[in-house]
Amino acid sequence: MMSTNDNGRARAAATGVNCVQCGASPATPAYAPFCSRRCADIDLHRWLTEGYAIPAAEDDETDDPFDDETSGRA
């Protein structure tokens, strides 16, 4: 049975999870899924400055109820 040491590093090493920000091995449970507070802060900064974005597909159809072409009124 493996015991944990230094904030659970043995447990993190057993799972084989690397830091999602820099790829360092292994990620520590204190900052999971990151290896350190620095990597966690980098990720937070990207979210707050809208560095991450989900691509959106533009629809050709319009949902405007006041558009004469789609409402049936001419």
C-alpha atoms as a PDB file:
ATOM      1  CA  MET A   1       0.000   0.000   0.000  1.00  0.00           C
ATOM      2  CA  MET A   2       1.359   3.426  -0.948  1.00  0.00           C
ATOM      3  CA  SER A   3       1.362   6.161   1.654  1.00  0.00           C
ATOM      4  CA  THR A   4       0.994   9.809   0.754  1.00  0.00           C
ATOM      5  CA  ASN A   5       3.804  12.278   1.363  1.00  0.00           C
ATOM      6  CA  ASP A   6       4.242  15.998   0.738  1.00  0.00           C
ATOM      7  CA  ASN A   7       0.595  16.902   0.204  1.00  0.00           C
ATOM      8  CA  GLY A   8      -0.336  13.680  -1.545  1.00  0.00           C
ATOM      9  CA  ARG A   9       2.316  13.633  -4.291  1.00  0.00           C
ATOM     10  CA  ALA A  10       2.485   9.840  -4.146  1.00  0.00           C
ATOM     11  CA  ARG A  11      -1.243   9.638  -4.838  1.00  0.00           C
ATOM     12  CA  ALA A  12      -0.939  12.087  -7.733  1.00  0.00           C
ATOM     13  CA  ALA A  13       1.991  10.128  -9.150  1.00  0.00           C
ATOM     14  CA  ALA A  14      -0.047   6.945  -8.963  1.00  0.00           C
ATOM     15  CA  THR A  15      -2.842   8.478 -11.045  1.00  0.00           C
ATOM     16  CA  GLY A  16      -0.422   9.656 -13.737  1.00  0.00           C
ATOM     17  CA  VAL A  17      -2.166  13.011 -14.193  1.00  0.00           C
ATOM     18  CA  ASN A  18       0.035  15.778 -15.576  1.00  0.00           C
ATOM     19  CA  CYS A  19      -0.533  19.507 -15.131  1.00  0.00           C
ATOM     20  CA  VAL A  20      -3.012  20.687 -17.763  1.00  0.00           C
ATOM     21  CA  GLN A  21      -1.235  24.044 -18.082  1.00  0.00           C
ATOM     22  CA  CYS A  22       2.460  23.177 -18.436  1.00  0.00           C
ATOM     23  CA  GLY A  23       2.468  19.381 -18.624  1.00  0.00           C
ATOM     24  CA  ALA A  24       4.657  18.949 -15.541  1.00  0.00           C
ATOM     25  CA  SER A  25       4.390  15.574 -13.917  1.00  0.00           C
ATOM     26  CA  PRO A  26       2.598  14.937 -11.617  1.00  0.00           C
ATOM     27  CA  ALA A  27      -0.118  17.427 -10.717  1.00  0.00           C
ATOM     28  CA  THR A  28      -0.435  17.912  -6.960  1.00  0.00           C
ATOM     29  CA  PRO A  29      -3.820  17.424  -5.299  1.00  0.00           C
ATOM     30  CA  ALA A  30      -3.597  20.857  -3.653  1.00  0.00           C
ATOM     31  CA  TYR A  31      -3.762  22.565  -7.056  1.00  0.00           C
ATOM     32  CA  ALA A  32      -5.288  19.774  -9.173  1.00  0.00           C
ATOM     33  CA  PRO A  33      -5.437  19.643 -12.124  1.00  0.00           C
ATOM     34  CA  PHE A  34      -2.454  22.031 -12.040  1.00  0.00           C
ATOM     35  CA  CYS A  35       1.054  21.444 -10.662  1.00  0.00           C
ATOM     36  CA  SER A  36       1.310  24.745  -8.792  1.00  0.00           C
ATOM     37  CA  ARG A  37      -0.481  27.924  -7.883  1.00  0.00           C
ATOM     38  CA  ARG A  38       1.350  29.672 -10.736  1.00  0.00           C
ATOM     39  CA  CYS A  39      -0.205  27.382 -13.358  1.00  0.00           C
ATOM     40  CA  ALA A  40      -3.632  27.742 -11.718  1.00  0.00           C
ATOM     41  CA  ASP A  41      -3.281  31.544 -11.801  1.00  0.00           C
ATOM     42  CA  ILE A  42      -2.235  31.495 -15.476  1.00  0.00           C
ATOM     43  CA  ASP A  43      -5.378  29.525 -16.313  1.00  0.00           C
ATOM     44  CA  LEU A  44      -7.568  31.860 -14.235  1.00  0.00           C
ATOM     45  CA  HIS A  45      -6.077  34.872 -16.028  1.00  0.00           C
ATOM     46  CA  ARG A  46      -6.936  33.344 -19.396  1.00  0.00           C
ATOM     47  CA  TRP A  47     -10.553  32.846 -18.314  1.00  0.00           C
ATOM     48  CA  LEU A  48     -10.865  36.368 -16.886  1.00  0.00           C
ATOM     49  CA  THR A  49      -9.395  38.057 -19.971  1.00  0.00           C
ATOM     50  CA  GLU A  50     -11.531  35.890 -22.271  1.00  0.00           C
ATOM     51  CA  GLY A  51      -8.479  34.076 -23.614  1.00  0.00           C
ATOM     52  CA  TYR A  52     -10.582  30.936 -23.806  1.00  0.00           C
ATOM     53  CA  ALA A  53     -13.589  30.928 -26.102  1.00  0.00           C
ATOM     54  CA  ILE A  54     -16.050  28.346 -27.312  1.00  0.00           C
ATOM     55  CA  PRO A  55     -16.460  28.650 -31.074  1.00  0.00           C
ATOM     56  CA  ALA A  56     -19.996  29.408 -32.158  1.00  0.00           C
ATOM     57  CA  ALA A  57     -21.505  28.540 -35.510  1.00  0.00           C
ATOM     58  CA  GLU A  58     -23.418  31.318 -37.199  1.00  0.00           C
ATOM     59  CA  ASP A  59     -26.954  30.373 -38.222  1.00  0.00           C
ATOM     60  CA  ASP A  60     -28.205  31.415 -41.643  1.00  0.00           C
ATOM     61  CA  GLU A  61     -31.758  31.555 -40.335  1.00  0.00           C
ATOM     62  CA  THR A  62     -32.913  34.553 -38.375  1.00  0.00           C
ATOM     63  CA  ASP A  63     -35.068  34.356 -35.266  1.00  0.00           C
ATOM     64  CA  ASP A  64     -36.223  37.972 -35.496  1.00  0.00           C
ATOM     65  CA  PRO A  65     -40.057  38.008 -35.122  1.00  0.00           C
ATOM     66  CA  PHE A  66     -40.208  41.473 -36.718  1.00  0.00           C
ATOM     67  CA  ASP A  67     -38.460  40.425 -39.914  1.00  0.00           C
ATOM     68  CA  ASP A  68     -41.030  40.712 -42.754  1.00  0.00           C
ATOM     69  CA  GLU A  69     -39.551  37.857 -44.766  1.00  0.00           C
ATOM     70  CA  THR A  70     -39.928  35.251 -42.020  1.00  0.00           C
ATOM     71  CA  SER A  71     -43.169  36.441 -40.416  1.00  0.00           C
ATOM     72  CA  GLY A  72     -45.306  35.969 -43.528  1.00  0.00           C
ATOM     73  CA  ARG A  73     -46.237  39.664 -43.746  1.00  0.00           C
ATOM     74  CA  ALA A  74     -45.322  41.587 -46.853  1.00  0.00           C
END
